[in-house]
PDB file of all heavy atoms in Angstrom:
ATOM      1  N   ILE A   1     -66.630 146.594 135.597  1.00  0.00           N
ATOM      2  CA  ILE A   1     -67.745 145.748 136.027  1.00  0.00           C
ATOM      3  C   ILE A   1     -68.228 146.254 137.385  1.00  0.00           C
ATOM      4  O   ILE A   1     -67.474 146.235 138.375  1.00  0.00           O
ATOM      5  CB  ILE A   1     -67.301 144.269 136.125  1.00  0.00           C
ATOM      6  CG1 ILE A   1     -66.903 143.759 134.734  1.00  0.00           C
ATOM      7  CG2 ILE A   1     -68.374 143.418 136.752  1.00  0.00           C
ATOM      8  CD1 ILE A   1     -66.260 142.400 134.737  1.00  0.00           C
ATOM      9  N   GLU A   2     -69.466 146.734 137.436  1.00  0.00           N
ATOM     10  CA  GLU A   2     -70.041 147.314 138.660  1.00  0.00           C
ATOM     11  C   GLU A   2     -71.329 146.556 139.014  1.00  0.00           C
ATOM     12  O   GLU A   2     -72.222 146.454 138.185  1.00  0.00           O
ATOM     13  CB  GLU A   2     -70.331 148.809 138.444  1.00  0.00           C
ATOM     14  CG  GLU A   2     -71.164 149.474 139.520  1.00  0.00           C
ATOM     15  CD  GLU A   2     -70.595 149.326 140.921  1.00  0.00           C
ATOM     16  OE1 GLU A   2     -69.387 149.609 141.111  1.00  0.00           O
ATOM     17  OE2 GLU A   2     -71.346 148.904 141.817  1.00  0.00           O
ATOM     18  N   HIS A   3     -71.389 146.020 140.233  1.00  0.00           N
ATOM     19  CA  HIS A   3     -72.564 145.204 140.586  1.00  0.00           C
ATOM     20  C   HIS A   3     -73.814 146.039 140.866  1.00  0.00           C
ATOM     21  O   HIS A   3     -74.929 145.552 140.731  1.00  0.00           O
ATOM     22  CB  HIS A   3     -72.254 144.274 141.759  1.00  0.00           C
ATOM     23  CG  HIS A   3     -72.072 144.955 143.083  1.00  0.00           C
ATOM     24  ND1 HIS A   3     -72.421 144.376 144.275  1.00  0.00           N
ATOM     25  CD2 HIS A   3     -71.584 146.174 143.398  1.00  0.00           C
ATOM     26  CE1 HIS A   3     -72.152 145.204 145.272  1.00  0.00           C
ATOM     27  NE2 HIS A   3     -71.631 146.288 144.760  1.00  0.00           N
ATOM     28  N   ALA A   4     -73.635 147.306 141.262  1.00  0.00           N
ATOM     29  CA  ALA A   4     -74.792 148.164 141.535  1.00  0.00           C
ATOM     30  C   ALA A   4     -75.408 148.656 140.227  1.00  0.00           C
ATOM     31  O   ALA A   4     -74.842 148.479 139.145  1.00  0.00           O
ATOM     32  CB  ALA A   4     -74.378 149.348 142.395  1.00  0.00           C
ATOM     33  N   ASN A   5     -76.566 149.306 140.346  1.00  0.00           N
ATOM     34  CA  ASN A   5     -77.266 149.752 139.130  1.00  0.00           C
ATOM     35  C   ASN A   5     -76.708 151.057 138.565  1.00  0.00           C
ATOM     36  O   ASN A   5     -77.133 151.527 137.524  1.00  0.00           O
ATOM     37  CB  ASN A   5     -78.773 149.889 139.395  1.00  0.00           C
ATOM     38  CG  ASN A   5     -79.068 150.901 140.496  1.00  0.00           C
ATOM     39  OD1 ASN A   5     -78.158 151.418 141.144  1.00  0.00           O
ATOM     40  ND2 ASN A   5     -80.342 151.171 140.716  1.00  0.00           N
ATOM     41  N   ARG A   6     -75.760 151.655 139.283  1.00  0.00           N
ATOM     42  CA  ARG A   6     -75.079 152.852 138.767  1.00  0.00           C
ATOM     43  C   ARG A   6     -73.698 152.944 139.418  1.00  0.00           C
ATOM     44  O   ARG A   6     -73.458 152.376 140.473  1.00  0.00           O
ATOM     45  CB  ARG A   6     -75.896 154.117 139.046  1.00  0.00           C
ATOM     46  CG  ARG A   6     -76.068 154.414 140.523  1.00  0.00           C
ATOM     47  CD  ARG A   6     -77.195 155.400 140.781  1.00  0.00           C
ATOM     48  NE  ARG A   6     -76.946 156.687 140.134  1.00  0.00           N
ATOM     49  CZ  ARG A   6     -77.702 157.754 140.325  1.00  0.00           C
ATOM     50  NH1 ARG A   6     -78.752 157.700 141.130  1.00  0.00           N
ATOM     51  NH2 ARG A   6     -77.426 158.891 139.729  1.00  0.00           N
ATOM     52  N   CYS A   7     -72.819 153.682 138.766  1.00  0.00           N
ATOM     53  CA  CYS A   7     -71.457 153.839 139.284  1.00  0.00           C
ATOM     54  C   CYS A   7     -71.394 154.975 140.313  1.00  0.00           C
ATOM     55  O   CYS A   7     -72.191 155.917 140.279  1.00  0.00           O
ATOM     56  CB  CYS A   7     -70.485 154.157 138.146  1.00  0.00           C
ATOM     57  SG  CYS A   7     -70.155 152.745 137.076  1.00  0.00           S
ATOM     58  N   GLY A   8     -70.420 154.883 141.188  1.00  0.00           N
ATOM     59  CA  GLY A   8     -70.097 155.998 142.072  1.00  0.00           C
ATOM     60  C   GLY A   8     -71.120 156.320 143.138  1.00  0.00           C
ATOM     61  O   GLY A   8     -71.295 157.478 143.509  1.00  0.00           O
ATOM     62  N   LYS A   9     -71.798 155.301 143.673  1.00  0.00           N
ATOM     63  CA  LYS A   9     -72.844 155.575 144.670  1.00  0.00           C
ATOM     64  C   LYS A   9     -72.295 156.266 145.924  1.00  0.00           C
ATOM     65  O   LYS A   9     -72.936 157.147 146.487  1.00  0.00           O
ATOM     66  CB  LYS A   9     -73.556 154.278 145.062  1.00  0.00           C
ATOM     67  CG  LYS A   9     -74.623 153.855 144.058  1.00  0.00           C
ATOM     68  CD  LYS A   9     -75.527 152.779 144.645  1.00  0.00           C
ATOM     69  CE  LYS A   9     -76.770 152.590 143.786  1.00  0.00           C
ATOM     70  NZ  LYS A   9     -77.701 151.613 144.395  1.00  0.00           N
ATOM     71  N   LYS A  10     -71.105 155.839 146.363  1.00  0.00           N
ATOM     72  CA  LYS A  10     -70.548 156.477 147.564  1.00  0.00           C
ATOM     73  C   LYS A  10     -70.064 157.901 147.261  1.00  0.00           C
ATOM     74  O   LYS A  10     -70.082 158.759 148.134  1.00  0.00           O
ATOM     75  CB  LYS A  10     -69.423 155.627 148.163  1.00  0.00           C
ATOM     76  CG  LYS A  10     -69.962 154.507 149.055  1.00  0.00           C
ATOM     77  CD  LYS A  10     -68.877 153.694 149.709  1.00  0.00           C
ATOM     78  CE  LYS A  10     -68.319 154.385 150.922  1.00  0.00           C
ATOM     79  NZ  LYS A  10     -67.317 153.538 151.615  1.00  0.00           N
ATOM     80  N   ILE A  11     -69.655 158.146 146.020  1.00  0.00           N
ATOM     81  CA  ILE A  11     -69.294 159.518 145.630  1.00  0.00           C
ATOM     82  C   ILE A  11     -70.540 160.403 145.745  1.00  0.00           C
ATOM     83  O   ILE A  11     -70.487 161.514 146.282  1.00  0.00           O
ATOM     84  CB  ILE A  11     -68.757 159.582 144.179  1.00  0.00           C
ATOM     85  CG1 ILE A  11     -67.542 158.669 143.994  1.00  0.00           C
ATOM     86  CG2 ILE A  11     -68.426 161.023 143.790  1.00  0.00           C
ATOM     87  CD1 ILE A  11     -67.050 158.576 142.550  1.00  0.00           C
ATOM     88  N   LEU A  12     -71.666 159.882 145.259  1.00  0.00           N
ATOM     89  CA  LEU A  12     -72.909 160.659 145.235  1.00  0.00           C
ATOM     90  C   LEU A  12     -73.342 161.091 146.633  1.00  0.00           C
ATOM     91  O   LEU A  12     -73.824 162.204 146.826  1.00  0.00           O
ATOM     92  CB  LEU A  12     -74.029 159.852 144.567  1.00  0.00           C
ATOM     93  CG  LEU A  12     -73.868 159.607 143.066  1.00  0.00           C
ATOM     94  CD1 LEU A  12     -74.912 158.623 142.572  1.00  0.00           C
ATOM     95  CD2 LEU A  12     -73.964 160.914 142.294  1.00  0.00           C
ATOM     96  N   MET A  13     -73.164 160.220 147.628  1.00  0.00           N
ATOM     97  CA  MET A  13     -73.629 160.545 148.975  1.00  0.00           C
ATOM     98  C   MET A  13     -72.578 161.302 149.790  1.00  0.00           C
ATOM     99  O   MET A  13     -72.877 161.815 150.856  1.00  0.00           O
ATOM    100  CB  MET A  13     -74.033 159.268 149.720  1.00  0.00           C
ATOM    101  CG  MET A  13     -72.863 158.355 150.041  1.00  0.00           C
ATOM    102  SD  MET A  13     -73.337 157.035 151.177  1.00  0.00           S
ATOM    103  CE  MET A  13     -73.564 157.942 152.682  1.00  0.00           C
ATOM    104  N   SER A  14     -71.361 161.393 149.280  1.00  0.00           N
ATOM    105  CA  SER A  14     -70.269 161.959 150.079  1.00  0.00           C
ATOM    106  C   SER A  14     -70.417 163.471 150.254  1.00  0.00           C
ATOM    107  O   SER A  14     -70.994 164.159 149.414  1.00  0.00           O
ATOM    108  CB  SER A  14     -68.918 161.656 149.423  1.00  0.00           C
ATOM    109  OG  SER A  14     -68.796 162.386 148.225  1.00  0.00           O
ATOM    110  N   GLY A  15     -69.870 163.946 151.351  1.00  0.00           N
ATOM    111  CA  GLY A  15     -69.869 165.394 151.603  1.00  0.00           C
ATOM    112  C   GLY A  15     -71.253 165.994 151.619  1.00  0.00           C
ATOM    113  O   GLY A  15     -71.459 167.113 151.151  1.00  0.00           O
ATOM    114  N   GLY A  16     -72.220 165.232 152.156  1.00  0.00           N
ATOM    115  CA  GLY A  16     -73.585 165.726 152.203  1.00  0.00           C
ATOM    116  C   GLY A  16     -74.153 165.993 150.821  1.00  0.00           C
ATOM    117  O   GLY A  16     -74.970 166.903 150.634  1.00  0.00           O
ATOM    118  N   GLY A  17     -73.702 165.188 149.829  1.00  0.00           N
ATOM    119  CA  GLY A  17     -74.183 165.356 148.456  1.00  0.00           C
ATOM    120  C   GLY A  17     -73.391 166.358 147.636  1.00  0.00           C
ATOM    121  O   GLY A  17     -73.728 166.640 146.491  1.00  0.00           O
ATOM    122  N   ARG A  18     -72.290 166.877 148.248  1.00  0.00           N
ATOM    123  CA  ARG A  18     -71.474 167.852 147.499  1.00  0.00           C
ATOM    124  C   ARG A  18     -70.063 167.339 147.211  1.00  0.00           C
ATOM    125  O   ARG A  18     -69.303 168.016 146.535  1.00  0.00           O
ATOM    126  CB  ARG A  18     -71.385 169.166 148.287  1.00  0.00           C
ATOM    127  CG  ARG A  18     -72.714 169.929 148.281  1.00  0.00           C
ATOM    128  CD  ARG A  18     -72.477 171.405 148.026  1.00  0.00           C
ATOM    129  NE  ARG A  18     -73.720 172.107 147.724  1.00  0.00           N
ATOM    130  CZ  ARG A  18     -74.288 172.976 148.539  1.00  0.00           C
ATOM    131  NH1 ARG A  18     -73.740 173.239 149.712  1.00  0.00           N
ATOM    132  NH2 ARG A  18     -75.386 173.589 148.191  1.00  0.00           N
ATOM    133  N   CYS A  19     -69.710 166.159 147.729  1.00  0.00           N
ATOM    134  CA  CYS A  19     -68.439 165.487 147.442  1.00  0.00           C
ATOM    135  C   CYS A  19     -67.199 166.310 147.802  1.00  0.00           C
ATOM    136  O   CYS A  19     -66.791 167.213 147.070  1.00  0.00           O
ATOM    137  CB  CYS A  19     -68.333 165.057 145.982  1.00  0.00           C
ATOM    138  SG  CYS A  19     -66.877 164.017 145.679  1.00  0.00           S
ATOM    139  N   ASN A  20     -66.596 165.955 148.929  1.00  0.00           N
ATOM    140  CA  ASN A  20     -65.321 166.552 149.345  1.00  0.00           C
ATOM    141  C   ASN A  20     -64.225 165.815 148.566  1.00  0.00           C
ATOM    142  O   ASN A  20     -63.623 164.875 149.051  1.00  0.00           O
ATOM    143  CB  ASN A  20     -65.172 166.381 150.858  1.00  0.00           C
ATOM    144  CG  ASN A  20     -63.887 166.895 151.447  1.00  0.00           C
ATOM    145  OD1 ASN A  20     -63.582 166.623 152.603  1.00  0.00           O
ATOM    146  ND2 ASN A  20     -63.107 167.631 150.660  1.00  0.00           N
ATOM    147  N   PHE A  21     -63.996 166.270 147.303  1.00  0.00           N
ATOM    148  CA  PHE A  21     -63.279 165.454 146.322  1.00  0.00           C
ATOM    149  C   PHE A  21     -61.760 165.416 146.492  1.00  0.00           C
ATOM    150  O   PHE A  21     -61.099 164.564 145.910  1.00  0.00           O
ATOM    151  CB  PHE A  21     -63.653 165.863 144.896  1.00  0.00           C
ATOM    152  CG  PHE A  21     -63.442 167.321 144.570  1.00  0.00           C
ATOM    153  CD1 PHE A  21     -62.183 167.806 144.286  1.00  0.00           C
ATOM    154  CD2 PHE A  21     -64.520 168.202 144.528  1.00  0.00           C
ATOM    155  CE1 PHE A  21     -61.975 169.144 143.971  1.00  0.00           C
ATOM    156  CE2 PHE A  21     -64.333 169.539 144.216  1.00  0.00           C
ATOM    157  CZ  PHE A  21     -63.053 170.021 143.944  1.00  0.00           C
ATOM    158  N   THR A  22     -61.181 166.331 147.256  1.00  0.00           N
ATOM    159  CA  THR A  22     -59.757 166.234 147.579  1.00  0.00           C
ATOM    160  C   THR A  22     -59.455 167.142 148.754  1.00  0.00           C
ATOM    161  O   THR A  22     -60.334 167.844 149.259  1.00  0.00           O
ATOM    162  CB  THR A  22     -58.845 166.587 146.379  1.00  0.00           C
ATOM    163  OG1 THR A  22     -57.486 166.209 146.699  1.00  0.00           O
ATOM    164  CG2 THR A  22     -58.864 168.076 146.046  1.00  0.00           C
ATOM    165  N   ASN A  23     -58.207 167.118 149.177  1.00  0.00           N
ATOM    166  CA  ASN A  23     -57.729 168.044 150.201  1.00  0.00           C
ATOM    167  C   ASN A  23     -56.402 168.629 149.721  1.00  0.00           C
ATOM    168  O   ASN A  23     -55.470 167.881 149.406  1.00  0.00           O
ATOM    169  CB  ASN A  23     -57.547 167.331 151.541  1.00  0.00           C
ATOM    170  CG  ASN A  23     -57.351 168.321 152.671  1.00  0.00           C
ATOM    171  OD1 ASN A  23     -56.389 169.086 152.676  1.00  0.00           O
ATOM    172  ND2 ASN A  23     -58.266 168.322 153.630  1.00  0.00           N
ATOM    173  N   THR A  24     -56.343 169.962 149.662  1.00  0.00           N
ATOM    174  CA  THR A  24     -55.153 170.626 149.109  1.00  0.00           C
ATOM    175  C   THR A  24     -53.909 170.386 149.963  1.00  0.00           C
ATOM    176  O   THR A  24     -52.793 170.552 149.480  1.00  0.00           O
ATOM    177  CB  THR A  24     -55.381 172.142 148.990  1.00  0.00           C
ATOM    178  OG1 THR A  24     -55.732 172.662 150.284  1.00  0.00           O
ATOM    179  CG2 THR A  24     -56.484 172.452 148.000  1.00  0.00           C
ATOM    180  N   GLY A  25     -54.106 169.977 151.205  1.00  0.00           N
ATOM    181  CA  GLY A  25     -52.961 169.760 152.099  1.00  0.00           C
ATOM    182  C   GLY A  25     -52.556 168.309 152.236  1.00  0.00           C
ATOM    183  O   GLY A  25     -51.898 167.929 153.208  1.00  0.00           O
ATOM    184  N   THR A  26     -52.928 167.478 151.260  1.00  0.00           N
ATOM    185  CA  THR A  26     -52.666 166.036 151.373  1.00  0.00           C
ATOM    186  C   THR A  26     -51.173 165.720 151.494  1.00  0.00           C
ATOM    187  O   THR A  26     -50.370 166.158 150.663  1.00  0.00           O
ATOM    188  CB  THR A  26     -53.236 165.291 150.155  1.00  0.00           C
ATOM    189  OG1 THR A  26     -54.643 165.536 150.068  1.00  0.00           O
ATOM    190  CG2 THR A  26     -53.003 163.788 150.274  1.00  0.00           C
ATOM    191  N   THR A  27     -50.819 164.954 152.525  1.00  0.00           N
ATOM    192  CA  THR A  27     -49.458 164.412 152.680  1.00  0.00           C
ATOM    193  C   THR A  27     -49.590 162.956 153.133  1.00  0.00           C
ATOM    194  O   THR A  27     -50.649 162.549 153.621  1.00  0.00           O
ATOM    195  CB  THR A  27     -48.647 165.165 153.757  1.00  0.00           C
ATOM    196  OG1 THR A  27     -49.167 164.815 155.055  1.00  0.00           O
ATOM    197  CG2 THR A  27     -48.707 166.673 153.582  1.00  0.00           C
ATOM    198  N   PRO A  28     -48.519 162.178 153.020  1.00  0.00           N
ATOM    199  CA  PRO A  28     -48.585 160.791 153.504  1.00  0.00           C
ATOM    200  C   PRO A  28     -48.928 160.693 154.998  1.00  0.00           C
ATOM    201  O   PRO A  28     -49.482 159.689 155.436  1.00  0.00           O
ATOM    202  CB  PRO A  28     -47.175 160.254 153.225  1.00  0.00           C
ATOM    203  CG  PRO A  28     -46.701 161.064 152.063  1.00  0.00           C
ATOM    204  CD  PRO A  28     -47.251 162.445 152.298  1.00  0.00           C
ATOM    205  N   ALA A  29     -48.651 161.752 155.755  1.00  0.00           N
ATOM    206  CA  ALA A  29     -48.940 161.735 157.198  1.00  0.00           C
ATOM    207  C   ALA A  29     -50.437 161.718 157.490  1.00  0.00           C
ATOM    208  O   ALA A  29     -50.847 161.464 158.624  1.00  0.00           O
ATOM    209  CB  ALA A  29     -48.301 162.945 157.869  1.00  0.00           C
ATOM    210  N   ASN A  30     -51.267 161.974 156.474  1.00  0.00           N
ATOM    211  CA  ASN A  30     -52.726 161.983 156.664  1.00  0.00           C
ATOM    212  C   ASN A  30     -53.352 160.608 156.448  1.00  0.00           C
ATOM    213  O   ASN A  30     -54.577 160.496 156.344  1.00  0.00           O
ATOM    214  CB  ASN A  30     -53.386 162.976 155.696  1.00  0.00           C
ATOM    215  CG  ASN A  30     -52.847 164.388 155.850  1.00  0.00           C
ATOM    216  OD1 ASN A  30     -52.273 164.948 154.920  1.00  0.00           O
ATOM    217  ND2 ASN A  30     -53.025 164.969 157.018  1.00  0.00           N
ATOM    218  N   PHE A  31     -52.516 159.555 156.400  1.00  0.00           N
ATOM    219  CA  PHE A  31     -53.017 158.209 156.122  1.00  0.00           C
ATOM    220  C   PHE A  31     -52.529 157.208 157.163  1.00  0.00           C
ATOM    221  O   PHE A  31     -51.438 157.350 157.708  1.00  0.00           O
ATOM    222  CB  PHE A  31     -52.560 157.752 154.725  1.00  0.00           C
ATOM    223  CG  PHE A  31     -53.160 158.583 153.622  1.00  0.00           C
ATOM    224  CD1 PHE A  31     -52.583 159.789 153.243  1.00  0.00           C
ATOM    225  CD2 PHE A  31     -54.330 158.190 152.985  1.00  0.00           C
ATOM    226  CE1 PHE A  31     -53.144 160.585 152.250  1.00  0.00           C
ATOM    227  CE2 PHE A  31     -54.900 158.977 151.985  1.00  0.00           C
ATOM    228  CZ  PHE A  31     -54.300 160.166 151.626  1.00  0.00           C
ATOM    229  N   LEU A  32     -53.348 156.196 157.415  1.00  0.00           N
ATOM    230  CA  LEU A  32     -52.981 155.097 158.306  1.00  0.00           C
ATOM    231  C   LEU A  32     -52.761 153.847 157.471  1.00  0.00           C
ATOM    232  O   LEU A  32     -53.540 153.556 156.562  1.00  0.00           O
ATOM    233  CB  LEU A  32     -54.096 154.795 159.304  1.00  0.00           C
ATOM    234  CG  LEU A  32     -54.401 155.790 160.399  1.00  0.00           C
ATOM    235  CD1 LEU A  32     -55.356 156.861 159.901  1.00  0.00           C
ATOM    236  CD2 LEU A  32     -55.037 155.078 161.587  1.00  0.00           C
ATOM    237  N   SER A  33     -51.714 153.098 157.801  1.00  0.00           N
ATOM    238  CA  SER A  33     -51.414 151.846 157.107  1.00  0.00           C
ATOM    239  C   SER A  33     -50.372 151.111 157.933  1.00  0.00           C
ATOM    240  O   SER A  33     -49.597 151.741 158.659  1.00  0.00           O
ATOM    241  CB  SER A  33     -50.854 152.129 155.708  1.00  0.00           C
ATOM    242  OG  SER A  33     -50.404 150.938 155.088  1.00  0.00           O
ATOM    243  N   ALA A  34     -50.349 149.771 157.829  1.00  0.00           N
ATOM    244  CA  ALA A  34     -49.288 149.019 158.501  1.00  0.00           C
ATOM    245  C   ALA A  34     -47.926 149.441 157.954  1.00  0.00           C
ATOM    246  O   ALA A  34     -46.919 149.362 158.651  1.00  0.00           O
ATOM    247  CB  ALA A  34     -49.507 147.519 158.317  1.00  0.00           C
ATOM    248  N   ASN A  35     -47.906 149.892 156.682  1.00  0.00           N
ATOM    249  CA  ASN A  35     -46.682 150.440 156.083  1.00  0.00           C
ATOM    250  C   ASN A  35     -46.941 151.902 155.723  1.00  0.00           C
ATOM    251  O   ASN A  35     -47.469 152.200 154.649  1.00  0.00           O
ATOM    252  CB  ASN A  35     -46.284 149.659 154.831  1.00  0.00           C
ATOM    253  CG  ASN A  35     -45.077 150.294 154.133  1.00  0.00           C
ATOM    254  OD1 ASN A  35     -44.483 151.257 154.631  1.00  0.00           O
ATOM    255  ND2 ASN A  35     -44.720 149.774 152.977  1.00  0.00           N
ATOM    256  N   PRO A  36     -46.584 152.839 156.620  1.00  0.00           N
ATOM    257  CA  PRO A  36     -46.895 154.250 156.363  1.00  0.00           C
ATOM    258  C   PRO A  36     -46.183 154.840 155.148  1.00  0.00           C
ATOM    259  O   PRO A  36     -46.536 155.921 154.690  1.00  0.00           O
ATOM    260  CB  PRO A  36     -46.464 154.958 157.652  1.00  0.00           C
ATOM    261  CG  PRO A  36     -45.548 154.014 158.358  1.00  0.00           C
ATOM    262  CD  PRO A  36     -45.918 152.632 157.913  1.00  0.00           C
ATOM    263  N   HIS A  37     -45.184 154.126 154.614  1.00  0.00           N
ATOM    264  CA  HIS A  37     -44.451 154.628 153.440  1.00  0.00           C
ATOM    265  C   HIS A  37     -45.133 154.261 152.123  1.00  0.00           C
ATOM    266  O   HIS A  37     -44.836 154.837 151.082  1.00  0.00           O
ATOM    267  CB  HIS A  37     -43.019 154.072 153.427  1.00  0.00           C
ATOM    268  CG  HIS A  37     -42.233 154.425 154.642  1.00  0.00           C
ATOM    269  ND1 HIS A  37     -41.810 155.712 154.907  1.00  0.00           N
ATOM    270  CD2 HIS A  37     -41.837 153.669 155.694  1.00  0.00           C
ATOM    271  CE1 HIS A  37     -41.165 155.723 156.065  1.00  0.00           C
ATOM    272  NE2 HIS A  37     -41.175 154.504 156.548  1.00  0.00           N
TER     273      HIS A  37
END
């Protein structure tokens, strides 16, 4: 259920319209949270 008229609007605008869809170096240390684990 999507309230907008199309899905993925923020995906469409991301990365200057080219979508930085992942990062090959992803680790838990690249995230902020009250529970970093």
